[in-house]
Structure formats: structure tokens, C-alpha cells
C-alpha atoms as a PDB file:
ATOM      1  CA  MET A   1       0.000   0.000   0.000  1.00  0.00           C
ATOM      2  CA  THR A   2       1.101   3.568  -0.672  1.00  0.00           C
ATOM      3  CA  GLU A   3       0.927   6.160   2.105  1.00  0.00           C
ATOM      4  CA  LEU A   4      -2.225   7.531   0.449  1.00  0.00           C
ATOM      5  CA  ASP A   5      -3.773   4.057   0.471  1.00  0.00           C
ATOM      6  CA  HIS A   6      -2.837   3.634   4.139  1.00  0.00           C
ATOM      7  CA  ASN A   7      -4.450   6.927   5.051  1.00  0.00           C
ATOM      8  CA  ALA A   8      -7.597   6.121   3.086  1.00  0.00           C
ATOM      9  CA  ALA A   9      -7.870   2.670   4.686  1.00  0.00           C
ATOM     10  CA  ALA A  10      -7.391   4.095   8.177  1.00  0.00           C
ATOM     11  CA  GLN A  11     -10.024   6.747   7.505  1.00  0.00           C
ATOM     12  CA  ALA A  12     -12.471   4.121   6.260  1.00  0.00           C
ATOM     13  CA  VAL A  13     -11.998   2.012   9.408  1.00  0.00           C
ATOM     14  CA  ARG A  14     -12.239   5.125  11.578  1.00  0.00           C
ATOM     15  CA  ASP A  15     -15.566   6.018   9.970  1.00  0.00           C
ATOM     16  CA  PHE A  16     -16.769   2.427  10.403  1.00  0.00           C
ATOM     17  CA  CYS A  17     -15.866   2.429  14.104  1.00  0.00           C
ATOM     18  CA  ALA A  18     -17.414   5.833  14.699  1.00  0.00           C
ATOM     19  CA  ALA A  19     -20.686   4.769  13.063  1.00  0.00           C
ATOM     20  CA  ARG A  20     -20.891   1.712  15.342  1.00  0.00           C
ATOM     21  CA  ASN A  21     -19.537   3.301  18.530  1.00  0.00           C
ATOM     22  CA  ILE A  22     -16.445   1.086  18.528  1.00  0.00           C
ATOM     23  CA  SER A  23     -13.732   2.779  20.550  1.00  0.00           C
ATOM     24  CA  TYR A  24     -10.563   3.716  18.642  1.00  0.00           C
ATOM     25  CA  ASP A  25      -7.438   5.867  18.751  1.00  0.00           C
ATOM     26  CA  ALA A  26      -5.635   7.320  15.754  1.00  0.00           C
ATOM     27  CA  ASP A  27      -1.875   7.614  15.114  1.00  0.00           C
ATOM     28  CA  VAL A  28      -0.849   5.391  18.015  1.00  0.00           C
ATOM     29  CA  VAL A  29       2.743   4.921  19.201  1.00  0.00           C
ATOM     30  CA  LEU A  30       2.951   1.180  19.759  1.00  0.00           C
ATOM     31  CA  LYS A  31       5.902   1.276  22.163  1.00  0.00           C
ATOM     32  CA  ASP A  32       3.379   2.603  24.680  1.00  0.00           C
ATOM     33  CA  TYR A  33       1.399  -0.647  24.374  1.00  0.00           C
ATOM     34  CA  THR A  34       4.137  -3.268  24.692  1.00  0.00           C
ATOM     35  CA  THR A  35       6.034  -4.496  27.739  1.00  0.00           C
ATOM     36  CA  PHE A  36       9.250  -4.222  25.704  1.00  0.00           C
ATOM     37  CA  GLN A  37       8.512  -0.500  25.215  1.00  0.00           C
ATOM     38  CA  ILE A  38       9.538  -0.878  21.588  1.00  0.00           C
ATOM     39  CA  GLY A  39       7.591  -0.196  18.400  1.00  0.00           C
ATOM     40  CA  GLY A  40       6.687   2.404  15.796  1.00  0.00           C
ATOM     41  CA  ARG A  41       3.294   3.832  14.929  1.00  0.00           C
ATOM     42  CA  CYS A  42       0.042   2.496  13.594  1.00  0.00           C
ATOM     43  CA  ALA A  43      -2.594   4.581  11.867  1.00  0.00           C
ATOM     44  CA  LEU A  44      -5.475   3.339  13.994  1.00  0.00           C
ATOM     45  CA  MET A  45      -6.043   1.128  17.023  1.00  0.00           C
ATOM     46  CA  ALA A  46      -9.581  -0.177  17.509  1.00  0.00           C
ATOM     47  CA  SER A  47     -10.727  -1.494  20.912  1.00  0.00           C
ATOM     48  CA  PRO A  48     -13.938  -3.499  20.446  1.00  0.00           C
ATOM     49  CA  CYS A  49     -15.914  -4.606  23.497  1.00  0.00           C
ATOM     50  CA  SER A  50     -17.661  -7.744  22.206  1.00  0.00           C
ATOM     51  CA  ALA A  51     -17.284 -10.680  19.857  1.00  0.00           C
ATOM     52  CA  GLU A  52     -19.948  -9.116  17.641  1.00  0.00           C
ATOM     53  CA  GLU A  53     -17.975  -5.872  17.300  1.00  0.00           C
ATOM     54  CA  ILE A  54     -14.812  -7.845  16.522  1.00  0.00           C
ATOM     55  CA  ALA A  55     -16.622  -9.931  13.888  1.00  0.00           C
ATOM     56  CA  ALA A  56     -18.043  -6.830  12.208  1.00  0.00           C
ATOM     57  CA  LEU A  57     -14.644  -5.148  12.217  1.00  0.00           C
ATOM     58  CA  VAL A  58     -12.875  -8.212  10.788  1.00  0.00           C
ATOM     59  CA  ARG A  59     -15.460  -8.530   8.007  1.00  0.00           C
ATOM     60  CA  PHE A  60     -15.092  -4.835   7.151  1.00  0.00           C
ATOM     61  CA  CYS A  61     -11.291  -5.129   7.005  1.00  0.00           C
ATOM     62  CA  ARG A  62     -11.494  -8.251   4.844  1.00  0.00           C
ATOM     63  CA  GLU A  63     -13.916  -6.677   2.404  1.00  0.00           C
ATOM     64  CA  GLY A  64     -11.801  -3.529   2.178  1.00  0.00           C
ATOM     65  CA  GLN A  65      -8.500  -5.469   2.087  1.00  0.00           C
ATOM     66  CA  VAL A  66      -7.267  -3.589   5.138  1.00  0.00           C
ATOM     67  CA  PRO A  67      -4.542  -5.532   7.008  1.00  0.00           C
ATOM     68  CA  TYR A  68      -5.141  -5.960  10.722  1.00  0.00           C
ATOM     69  CA  THR A  69      -3.052  -7.230  13.621  1.00  0.00           C
ATOM     70  CA  VAL A  70      -4.477  -8.467  16.905  1.00  0.00           C
ATOM     71  CA  VAL A  71      -2.729  -7.597  20.173  1.00  0.00           C
ATOM     72  CA  GLY A  72      -3.619  -8.093  23.806  1.00  0.00           C
ATOM     73  CA  ARG A  73      -1.501  -6.560  26.537  1.00  0.00           C
ATOM     74  CA  GLY A  74       1.672  -6.529  24.451  1.00  0.00           C
ATOM     75  CA  SER A  75       3.680  -8.846  26.701  1.00  0.00           C
ATOM     76  CA  ASN A  76       5.052 -11.272  24.124  1.00  0.00           C
ATOM     77  CA  LEU A  77       5.578  -8.908  21.208  1.00  0.00           C
ATOM     78  CA  LEU A  78       8.442  -7.285  19.391  1.00  0.00           C
ATOM     79  CA  VAL A  79       7.037  -4.537  17.180  1.00  0.00           C
ATOM     80  CA  SER A  80       8.842  -3.107  14.164  1.00  0.00           C
ATOM     81  CA  ASP A  81      10.467   0.311  14.426  1.00  0.00           C
ATOM     82  CA  GLU A  82       8.633   1.147  11.200  1.00  0.00           C
ATOM     83  CA  GLY A  83       5.278   0.503  12.814  1.00  0.00           C
ATOM     84  CA  VAL A  84       2.501  -1.808  11.670  1.00  0.00           C
ATOM     85  CA  GLU A  85       0.706  -1.783   8.345  1.00  0.00           C
ATOM     86  CA  GLY A  86      -3.067  -1.440   8.479  1.00  0.00           C
ATOM     87  CA  ILE A  87      -4.811  -1.292  11.849  1.00  0.00           C
ATOM     88  CA  ILE A  88      -4.455  -2.821  15.292  1.00  0.00           C
ATOM     89  CA  ILE A  89      -7.354  -4.629  16.955  1.00  0.00           C
ATOM     90  CA  ARG A  90      -6.590  -4.417  20.655  1.00  0.00           C
ATOM     91  CA  LEU A  91      -8.170  -6.723  23.201  1.00  0.00           C
ATOM     92  CA  GLY A  92      -7.868  -4.907  26.490  1.00  0.00           C
ATOM     93  CA  LYS A  93      -9.979  -3.267  29.138  1.00  0.00           C
ATOM     94  CA  ARG A  94     -13.019  -3.010  26.905  1.00  0.00           C
ATOM     95  CA  LEU A  95     -13.093  -6.795  26.508  1.00  0.00           C
ATOM     96  CA  SER A  96     -12.634  -7.824  30.125  1.00  0.00           C
ATOM     97  CA  GLY A  97     -15.779  -9.515  31.459  1.00  0.00           C
ATOM     98  CA  LEU A  98     -15.165 -12.129  34.144  1.00  0.00           C
ATOM     99  CA  LYS A  99     -17.659 -14.363  35.928  1.00  0.00           C
ATOM    100  CA  LEU A 100     -17.998 -17.550  37.930  1.00  0.00           C
ATOM    101  CA  LEU A 101     -20.333 -20.111  36.424  1.00  0.00           C
ATOM    102  CA  SER A 102     -20.935 -23.441  38.213  1.00  0.00           C
ATOM    103  CA  ASP A 103     -18.788 -26.290  39.538  1.00  0.00           C
ATOM    104  CA  GLY A 104     -15.548 -24.321  39.458  1.00  0.00           C
ATOM    105  CA  VAL A 105     -15.929 -23.048  35.899  1.00  0.00           C
ATOM    106  CA  VAL A 106     -14.751 -19.489  35.305  1.00  0.00           C
ATOM    107  CA  GLU A 107     -15.530 -17.625  32.090  1.00  0.00           C
ATOM    108  CA  CYS A 108     -13.526 -14.611  31.076  1.00  0.00           C
ATOM    109  CA  ALA A 109     -13.104 -12.369  28.073  1.00  0.00           C
ATOM    110  CA  ALA A 110      -9.830 -12.504  26.173  1.00  0.00           C
ATOM    111  CA  GLY A 111      -8.792  -9.037  27.316  1.00  0.00           C
ATOM    112  CA  VAL A 112      -8.753  -9.999  31.001  1.00  0.00           C
ATOM    113  CA  SER A 113      -5.223  -9.940  32.393  1.00  0.00           C
ATOM    114  CA  LEU A 114      -3.866 -13.228  33.671  1.00  0.00           C
ATOM    115  CA  ALA A 115      -3.201 -11.472  36.981  1.00  0.00           C
ATOM    116  CA  ARG A 116      -6.860 -10.530  37.348  1.00  0.00           C
ATOM    117  CA  LEU A 117      -8.022 -14.027  36.367  1.00  0.00           C
ATOM    118  CA  CYS A 118      -5.679 -15.629  38.923  1.00  0.00           C
ATOM    119  CA  ALA A 119      -6.779 -13.222  41.654  1.00  0.00           C
ATOM    120  CA  PHE A 120     -10.447 -13.850  40.858  1.00  0.00           C
ATOM    121  CA  ALA A 121      -9.926 -17.604  41.154  1.00  0.00           C
ATOM    122  CA  GLN A 122      -8.099 -17.244  44.471  1.00  0.00           C
ATOM    123  CA  GLU A 123     -10.773 -14.974  45.930  1.00  0.00           C
ATOM    124  CA  ASN A 124     -13.382 -17.593  45.045  1.00  0.00           C
ATOM    125  CA  GLY A 125     -11.383 -20.447  46.554  1.00  0.00           C
ATOM    126  CA  LEU A 126     -10.556 -22.074  43.214  1.00  0.00           C
ATOM    127  CA  SER A 127      -7.191 -23.688  42.533  1.00  0.00           C
ATOM    128  CA  GLY A 128      -5.434 -24.598  39.301  1.00  0.00           C
ATOM    129  CA  LEU A 129      -4.168 -21.268  38.007  1.00  0.00           C
ATOM    130  CA  GLU A 130      -1.466 -20.585  40.564  1.00  0.00           C
ATOM    131  CA  PHE A 131       1.250 -21.313  37.975  1.00  0.00           C
ATOM    132  CA  ALA A 132       0.047 -18.327  35.917  1.00  0.00           C
ATOM    133  CA  TRP A 133       0.372 -15.781  38.742  1.00  0.00           C
ATOM    134  CA  GLY A 134       2.993 -13.302  37.596  1.00  0.00           C
ATOM    135  CA  ILE A 135       2.873 -14.190  33.893  1.00  0.00           C
ATOM    136  CA  PRO A 136       2.223 -10.869  32.167  1.00  0.00           C
ATOM    137  CA  GLY A 137      -0.336 -10.575  29.425  1.00  0.00           C
ATOM    138  CA  SER A 138      -3.938 -11.400  28.738  1.00  0.00           C
ATOM    139  CA  ALA A 139      -6.003 -14.558  29.121  1.00  0.00           C
ATOM    140  CA  GLY A 140      -6.511 -14.653  25.346  1.00  0.00           C
ATOM    141  CA  GLY A 141      -2.775 -14.475  24.764  1.00  0.00           C
ATOM    142  CA  ALA A 142      -2.267 -17.280  27.277  1.00  0.00           C
ATOM    143  CA  VAL A 143      -4.583 -19.493  25.225  1.00  0.00           C
ATOM    144  CA  TYR A 144      -2.911 -18.506  21.946  1.00  0.00           C
ATOM    145  CA  MET A 145       0.503 -19.674  23.151  1.00  0.00           C
ATOM    146  CA  ASN A 146      -0.587 -22.190  25.810  1.00  0.00           C
ATOM    147  CA  ALA A 147       1.265 -20.186  28.433  1.00  0.00           C
ATOM    148  CA  GLY A 148       2.838 -22.099  31.270  1.00  0.00           C
ATOM    149  CA  ALA A 149       5.305 -22.041  34.147  1.00  0.00           C
ATOM    150  CA  TYR A 150       6.386 -24.140  37.134  1.00  0.00           C
ATOM    151  CA  GLY A 151       4.970 -27.340  35.722  1.00  0.00           C
ATOM    152  CA  GLY A 152       1.550 -25.932  34.818  1.00  0.00           C
ATOM    153  CA  GLU A 153       0.069 -24.913  31.459  1.00  0.00           C
ATOM    154  CA  MET A 154      -3.187 -23.463  30.224  1.00  0.00           C
ATOM    155  CA  LYS A 155      -4.053 -26.826  28.687  1.00  0.00           C
ATOM    156  CA  ASP A 156      -4.339 -28.214  32.235  1.00  0.00           C
ATOM    157  CA  VAL A 157      -7.348 -25.996  33.006  1.00  0.00           C
ATOM    158  CA  LEU A 158      -8.750 -24.815  29.682  1.00  0.00           C
ATOM    159  CA  LEU A 159     -12.219 -26.134  28.834  1.00  0.00           C
ATOM    160  CA  GLN A 160     -12.997 -24.153  25.693  1.00  0.00           C
ATOM    161  CA  ALA A 161     -12.179 -21.003  23.762  1.00  0.00           C
ATOM    162  CA  SER A 162     -14.378 -18.799  21.601  1.00  0.00           C
ATOM    163  CA  HIS A 163     -13.137 -16.810  18.620  1.00  0.00           C
ATOM    164  CA  VAL A 164     -13.844 -14.858  15.486  1.00  0.00           C
ATOM    165  CA  THR A 165     -12.496 -16.523  12.354  1.00  0.00           C
ATOM    166  CA  ASP A 166     -10.487 -14.755   9.673  1.00  0.00           C
ATOM    167  CA  ASP A 167     -13.675 -14.282   7.657  1.00  0.00           C
ATOM    168  CA  GLY A 168     -15.614 -12.795  10.556  1.00  0.00           C
ATOM    169  CA  GLN A 169     -17.550 -15.815  11.831  1.00  0.00           C
ATOM    170  CA  VAL A 170     -18.062 -16.465  15.546  1.00  0.00           C
ATOM    171  CA  GLY A 171     -17.212 -19.932  16.857  1.00  0.00           C
ATOM    172  CA  THR A 172     -16.172 -22.014  19.877  1.00  0.00           C
ATOM    173  CA  LEU A 173     -13.810 -24.971  20.199  1.00  0.00           C
ATOM    174  CA  PRO A 174     -13.506 -27.433  23.115  1.00  0.00           C
ATOM    175  CA  SER A 175     -10.045 -27.912  24.587  1.00  0.00           C
ATOM    176  CA  GLU A 176      -9.526 -31.263  22.877  1.00  0.00           C
ATOM    177  CA  GLU A 177      -9.713 -29.509  19.492  1.00  0.00           C
ATOM    178  CA  LEU A 178      -7.373 -26.651  20.407  1.00  0.00           C
ATOM    179  CA  MET A 179      -4.162 -28.605  19.646  1.00  0.00           C
ATOM    180  CA  LEU A 180      -2.490 -27.304  22.793  1.00  0.00           C
ATOM    181  CA  GLY A 181       1.230 -28.029  22.841  1.00  0.00           C
ATOM    182  CA  TYR A 182       4.405 -26.400  24.040  1.00  0.00           C
ATOM    183  CA  ARG A 183       3.865 -22.667  23.420  1.00  0.00           C
ATOM    184  CA  ARG A 184       1.391 -23.292  20.641  1.00  0.00           C
ATOM    185  CA  SER A 185      -2.289 -23.885  19.962  1.00  0.00           C
ATOM    186  CA  PHE A 186      -4.787 -24.243  17.152  1.00  0.00           C
ATOM    187  CA  TYR A 187      -4.695 -20.441  16.852  1.00  0.00           C
ATOM    188  CA  THR A 188      -0.938 -20.148  16.342  1.00  0.00           C
ATOM    189  CA  GLY A 189      -0.222 -18.570  12.973  1.00  0.00           C
ATOM    190  CA  LYS A 190      -3.898 -17.987  12.191  1.00  0.00           C
ATOM    191  CA  GLU A 191      -5.653 -14.636  11.882  1.00  0.00           C
ATOM    192  CA  TYR A 192      -8.412 -15.703  14.253  1.00  0.00           C
ATOM    193  CA  VAL A 193      -9.288 -13.443  17.181  1.00  0.00           C
ATOM    194  CA  ILE A 194      -9.750 -15.222  20.517  1.00  0.00           C
ATOM    195  CA  THR A 195     -12.672 -13.532  22.291  1.00  0.00           C
ATOM    196  CA  SER A 196     -13.277 -15.544  25.485  1.00  0.00           C
ATOM    197  CA  LEU A 197     -12.434 -18.747  27.308  1.00  0.00           C
ATOM    198  CA  GLN A 198     -13.586 -21.018  30.096  1.00  0.00           C
ATOM    199  CA  VAL A 199     -11.317 -22.696  32.646  1.00  0.00           C
ATOM    200  CA  GLY A 200     -12.190 -25.532  34.988  1.00  0.00           C
ATOM    201  CA  LEU A 201     -10.760 -25.208  38.504  1.00  0.00           C
ATOM    202  CA  HIS A 202     -11.161 -27.101  41.778  1.00  0.00           C
ATOM    203  CA  PRO A 203     -12.043 -25.886  45.285  1.00  0.00           C
ATOM    204  CA  ASP A 204      -9.303 -25.227  47.828  1.00  0.00           C
ATOM    205  CA  ASP A 205      -8.619 -22.986  50.806  1.00  0.00           C
ATOM    206  CA  PRO A 206      -8.092 -19.396  49.605  1.00  0.00           C
ATOM    207  CA  GLN A 207      -5.156 -18.901  51.991  1.00  0.00           C
ATOM    208  CA  ALA A 208      -3.428 -22.035  50.699  1.00  0.00           C
ATOM    209  CA  ILE A 209      -3.934 -20.828  47.126  1.00  0.00           C
ATOM    210  CA  ARG A 210      -2.523 -17.409  48.046  1.00  0.00           C
ATOM    211  CA  ALA A 211       0.517 -19.025  49.655  1.00  0.00           C
ATOM    212  CA  ARG A 212       1.314 -20.920  46.460  1.00  0.00           C
ATOM    213  CA  MET A 213       0.824 -17.791  44.371  1.00  0.00           C
ATOM    214  CA  ASP A 214       3.135 -15.800  46.648  1.00  0.00           C
ATOM    215  CA  ASP A 215       5.759 -18.542  46.427  1.00  0.00           C
ATOM    216  CA  TYR A 216       5.708 -18.471  42.629  1.00  0.00           C
ATOM    217  CA  MET A 217       5.909 -14.681  42.600  1.00  0.00           C
ATOM    218  CA  GLN A 218       8.905 -14.683  44.931  1.00  0.00           C
ATOM    219  CA  ARG A 219      10.646 -17.148  42.645  1.00  0.00           C
ATOM    220  CA  ARG A 220       9.974 -14.914  39.641  1.00  0.00           C
ATOM    221  CA  MET A 221      11.209 -11.804  41.384  1.00  0.00           C
ATOM    222  CA  SER A 222      14.407 -13.508  42.514  1.00  0.00           C
ATOM    223  CA  LYS A 223      15.269 -15.019  39.126  1.00  0.00           C
ATOM    224  CA  GLN A 224      13.767 -12.756  36.450  1.00  0.00           C
ATOM    225  CA  PRO A 225      14.667  -9.151  35.506  1.00  0.00           C
ATOM    226  CA  LEU A 226      11.192  -7.777  36.201  1.00  0.00           C
ATOM    227  CA  GLU A 227      12.624  -4.311  36.830  1.00  0.00           C
ATOM    228  CA  TYR A 228      13.399  -3.835  33.106  1.00  0.00           C
ATOM    229  CA  PRO A 229      11.139  -3.703  30.040  1.00  0.00           C
ATOM    230  CA  SER A 230      11.173  -7.050  28.248  1.00  0.00           C
ATOM    231  CA  ALA A 231       8.968  -9.501  26.397  1.00  0.00           C
ATOM    232  CA  GLY A 232       9.629 -12.296  28.872  1.00  0.00           C
ATOM    233  CA  SER A 233      11.532 -15.395  27.886  1.00  0.00           C
ATOM    234  CA  VAL A 234      12.731 -14.882  24.309  1.00  0.00           C
ATOM    235  CA  PHE A 235      13.416 -18.446  23.219  1.00  0.00           C
ATOM    236  CA  LYS A 236      11.502 -21.698  23.435  1.00  0.00           C
ATOM    237  CA  ARG A 237      13.015 -24.445  25.553  1.00  0.00           C
ATOM    238  CA  PRO A 238      15.080 -26.711  23.287  1.00  0.00           C
ATOM    239  CA  GLU A 239      14.582 -30.426  23.744  1.00  0.00           C
ATOM    240  CA  GLY A 240      16.898 -31.754  26.432  1.00  0.00           C
ATOM    241  CA  ASN A 241      18.191 -28.396  27.598  1.00  0.00           C
ATOM    242  CA  TYR A 242      17.299 -24.834  28.621  1.00  0.00           C
ATOM    243  CA  ALA A 243      17.750 -21.719  26.511  1.00  0.00           C
ATOM    244  CA  GLY A 244      18.968 -19.592  29.406  1.00  0.00           C
ATOM    245  CA  LYS A 245      21.623 -22.123  30.406  1.00  0.00           C
ATOM    246  CA  LEU A 246      22.872 -22.478  26.831  1.00  0.00           C
ATOM    247  CA  ILE A 247      23.121 -18.703  26.425  1.00  0.00           C
ATOM    248  CA  GLN A 248      24.922 -18.325  29.732  1.00  0.00           C
ATOM    249  CA  ASP A 249      27.311 -21.199  28.992  1.00  0.00           C
ATOM    250  CA  CYS A 250      28.211 -19.440  25.730  1.00  0.00           C
ATOM    251  CA  GLY A 251      29.369 -16.401  27.693  1.00  0.00           C
ATOM    252  CA  LEU A 252      26.567 -14.145  26.479  1.00  0.00           C
ATOM    253  CA  LYS A 253      25.193 -13.002  29.832  1.00  0.00           C
ATOM    254  CA  GLY A 254      25.299  -9.188  29.760  1.00  0.00           C
ATOM    255  CA  TYR A 255      26.047  -9.055  26.010  1.00  0.00           C
ATOM    256  CA  ARG A 256      24.619  -5.873  24.551  1.00  0.00           C
ATOM    257  CA  ILE A 257      23.728  -4.407  21.172  1.00  0.00           C
ATOM    258  CA  GLY A 258      22.489  -0.827  21.335  1.00  0.00           C
ATOM    259  CA  GLY A 259      19.853  -0.602  24.057  1.00  0.00           C
ATOM    260  CA  ALA A 260      19.146  -4.349  24.076  1.00  0.00           C
ATOM    261  CA  MET A 261      21.004  -6.623  26.487  1.00  0.00           C
ATOM    262  CA  VAL A 262      21.010 -10.246  27.575  1.00  0.00           C
ATOM    263  CA  SER A 263      19.928 -10.022  31.193  1.00  0.00           C
ATOM    264  CA  ASP A 264      22.681 -10.711  33.699  1.00  0.00           C
ATOM    265  CA  LYS A 265      19.971 -12.007  36.042  1.00  0.00           C
ATOM    266  CA  HIS A 266      18.374 -14.533  33.654  1.00  0.00           C
ATOM    267  CA  SER A 267      20.070 -15.202  30.328  1.00  0.00           C
ATOM    268  CA  GLY A 268      16.807 -16.275  28.695  1.00  0.00           C
ATOM    269  CA  PHE A 269      15.604 -12.660  28.824  1.00  0.00           C
ATOM    270  CA  ILE A 270      16.561  -9.786  26.548  1.00  0.00           C
ATOM    271  CA  ILE A 271      15.939  -6.498  28.333  1.00  0.00           C
ATOM    272  CA  ASN A 272      15.545  -2.921  27.172  1.00  0.00           C
ATOM    273  CA  VAL A 273      18.208  -1.061  29.124  1.00  0.00           C
ATOM    274  CA  GLY A 274      17.804   2.254  27.328  1.00  0.00           C
ATOM    275  CA  ASN A 275      15.756   3.175  24.272  1.00  0.00           C
ATOM    276  CA  ALA A 276      16.339  -0.147  22.552  1.00  0.00           C
ATOM    277  CA  THR A 277      15.010  -0.440  19.023  1.00  0.00           C
ATOM    278  CA  CYS A 278      13.457  -3.428  17.325  1.00  0.00           C
ATOM    279  CA  ALA A 279      16.593  -3.582  15.159  1.00  0.00           C
ATOM    280  CA  ASP A 280      18.766  -3.796  18.294  1.00  0.00           C
ATOM    281  CA  VAL A 281      16.749  -6.727  19.642  1.00  0.00           C
ATOM    282  CA  GLN A 282      16.670  -8.540  16.309  1.00  0.00           C
ATOM    283  CA  ALA A 283      20.435  -8.180  15.922  1.00  0.00           C
ATOM    284  CA  LEU A 284      20.950  -9.513  19.451  1.00  0.00           C
ATOM    285  CA  ILE A 285      18.606 -12.448  18.812  1.00  0.00           C
ATOM    286  CA  ARG A 286      20.547 -13.357  15.653  1.00  0.00           C
ATOM    287  CA  HIS A 287      23.870 -13.118  17.493  1.00  0.00           C
ATOM    288  CA  ILE A 288      22.594 -15.367  20.290  1.00  0.00           C
ATOM    289  CA  GLN A 289      21.208 -17.934  17.852  1.00  0.00           C
ATOM    290  CA  GLU A 290      24.417 -18.024  15.786  1.00  0.00           C
ATOM    291  CA  THR A 291      26.687 -18.226  18.821  1.00  0.00           C
ATOM    292  CA  VAL A 292      24.672 -20.957  20.536  1.00  0.00           C
ATOM    293  CA  ALA A 293      24.445 -22.977  17.300  1.00  0.00           C
ATOM    294  CA  GLN A 294      28.185 -22.712  16.668  1.00  0.00           C
ATOM    295  CA  GLN A 295      29.218 -23.590  20.224  1.00  0.00           C
ATOM    296  CA  THR A 296      26.592 -26.171  21.187  1.00  0.00           C
ATOM    297  CA  GLY A 297      24.755 -27.331  18.067  1.00  0.00           C
ATOM    298  CA  TYR A 298      21.411 -26.214  19.493  1.00  0.00           C
ATOM    299  CA  ARG A 299      19.257 -23.967  17.308  1.00  0.00           C
ATOM    300  CA  LEU A 300      17.149 -21.686  19.475  1.00  0.00           C
ATOM    301  CA  GLU A 301      13.649 -20.859  18.268  1.00  0.00           C
ATOM    302  CA  CYS A 302      12.036 -17.541  19.190  1.00  0.00           C
ATOM    303  CA  GLU A 303       9.037 -17.574  21.473  1.00  0.00           C
ATOM    304  CA  VAL A 304       8.386 -13.843  21.074  1.00  0.00           C
ATOM    305  CA  LYS A 305       6.026 -12.894  18.260  1.00  0.00           C
ATOM    306  CA  MET A 306       7.386 -10.271  15.862  1.00  0.00           C
ATOM    307  CA  ILE A 307       5.072  -7.895  14.031  1.00  0.00           C
END
């Protein structure tokens, strides 16, 4: 698309959102919406509040050939310095319903933060999500990548997920059809928009649940560089080893390119230590991958999604 085409497409989507009372912001700086604090601009960011609004917006973009990118809370993203073509569909505070159904089933919208979902479960005396306490990001993002930690994964509790397909149709899939694996799901690589999910939890003493959550949080704080902007663990765990250990053993702890640095607290993290650019991070990722491959034979695969 030319710049004129981009502007016309953004204006068309803006008019569409305004006519249907879909919240939006124009000329958005994406670094303000990612935990890495990296990213250029996008012409328009729409924030729908229901599956129906998302479906209508996706259909409009498809018919008008307007590219769209879906983001949640920006915790597992590396966004281009040049910005993003088309529009952003953001699943955040406007898509954050949360309720307790029956028999330990909790339903939540995709924009709910994992922190809020975990706290809600604990307050209602429901166990099973303690592993997710402290994982940044949204519930929808956790489904997309089957988020996990400390021996637990979303697949352990997920009952179903609802979505909007890439042609604007609303649907729901049970967990057994979601193809949940290590940091992947049925949705990985697709242009579907996850809209809500249900998790099945079991009763337990709220204080015991809180104690486990606090233990996990203390472990995170002691081992992870939470004081710096990052996108979390950058690489997937290679079979038979750990990315952080391989990177450390290759002498890369503290290695820096521009404002991006391998954390000296946890080598599996790349941190933004001062106005890092997407190019800085990408160059550092390539250097890590090449060095680890040369010295160990392991080929590290990125976990962070690049847009």
C-alpha cells in the first residue's frame, strides 16, 4: 500500500468504528502498548468490546483489504520500528468480562489480564491457576501460546475457547480440538481473534492458594529481571536443555547491542536497558542464535512474536 492508500484505509476504518460506537485511537505509538517498550506507529487502534464488534470489524477489514493485527496486553511482542501496516485490533480493558459459572468453571473475556483471572480464582477459593500468577499478558494471549510455568500450562485448566475466524464468523472450540502443545495452539499462525475462554478449577482454601501464588511470585522476582522492560523469555526451551543455560554457557550473559542486552539475572531474557530499538533486539537475537548454534549445536527458536 502507498501512504495515500494507508491513510484512506485508516479513515475508512475510523468512519466504520465511529458509526458503530467502537472505541478507537488514531496515530498510536505502539511502544506505549508493549512491555518491551519498543515499536513504531500504527494509523489506527480499535478497541472493540464484544465478539460481535470484533466480527463486524474483521469482516469490514477483509472486504476492504485492510490488514489488521491483533494484540492483547503486548507482553510477548516485538514490534517493528517502522510501525505496523493497516490497523491494530486491541483486546484490552473493553473486553474484560469475568464471571464464575458453576462447579468451578470461570468464564472470562480474552482481554482480562492473567493477573486478574488468577486473583479472581483465588478470591473464590478455586485452585489450578497458581502457575500463571505473575505471567504478564492477557487470558486470550495465554490461550494462543498455551502459556505455562512451574509445571503448569493453560491446557491443564482450559475447557474451551471462543473466537472470530479470519472471515468474521463467531465460533467455539472445546479444549480437545485446540491442539495445545508447548507454546502453541490451534490459533498459532492464524488470523483468528480469541474472544473468550472457560477454565475448569477445583475448590481449595483461599489462603493455601494465596501461599502458592506468593511462592511463585517470589521465585519470579528472585530469578527474572522484572525491573526492566522485556517480552519475557525470548526463546523456546530446546529439547533436552534450557535456553537460558545455553546462552549463559556461551558467555553471552550481559552481552549488549544498542539498548538491548542479555539479562545478567536470567540469560533467557533480553531487556531494554535504554531506548532499545526493534533492530537492536533482532540483531541480538541473531547473534545469540548463531553463537549458541556454533558452540553447542542447538538452534534456538524464538518464542516472542514479531510484528
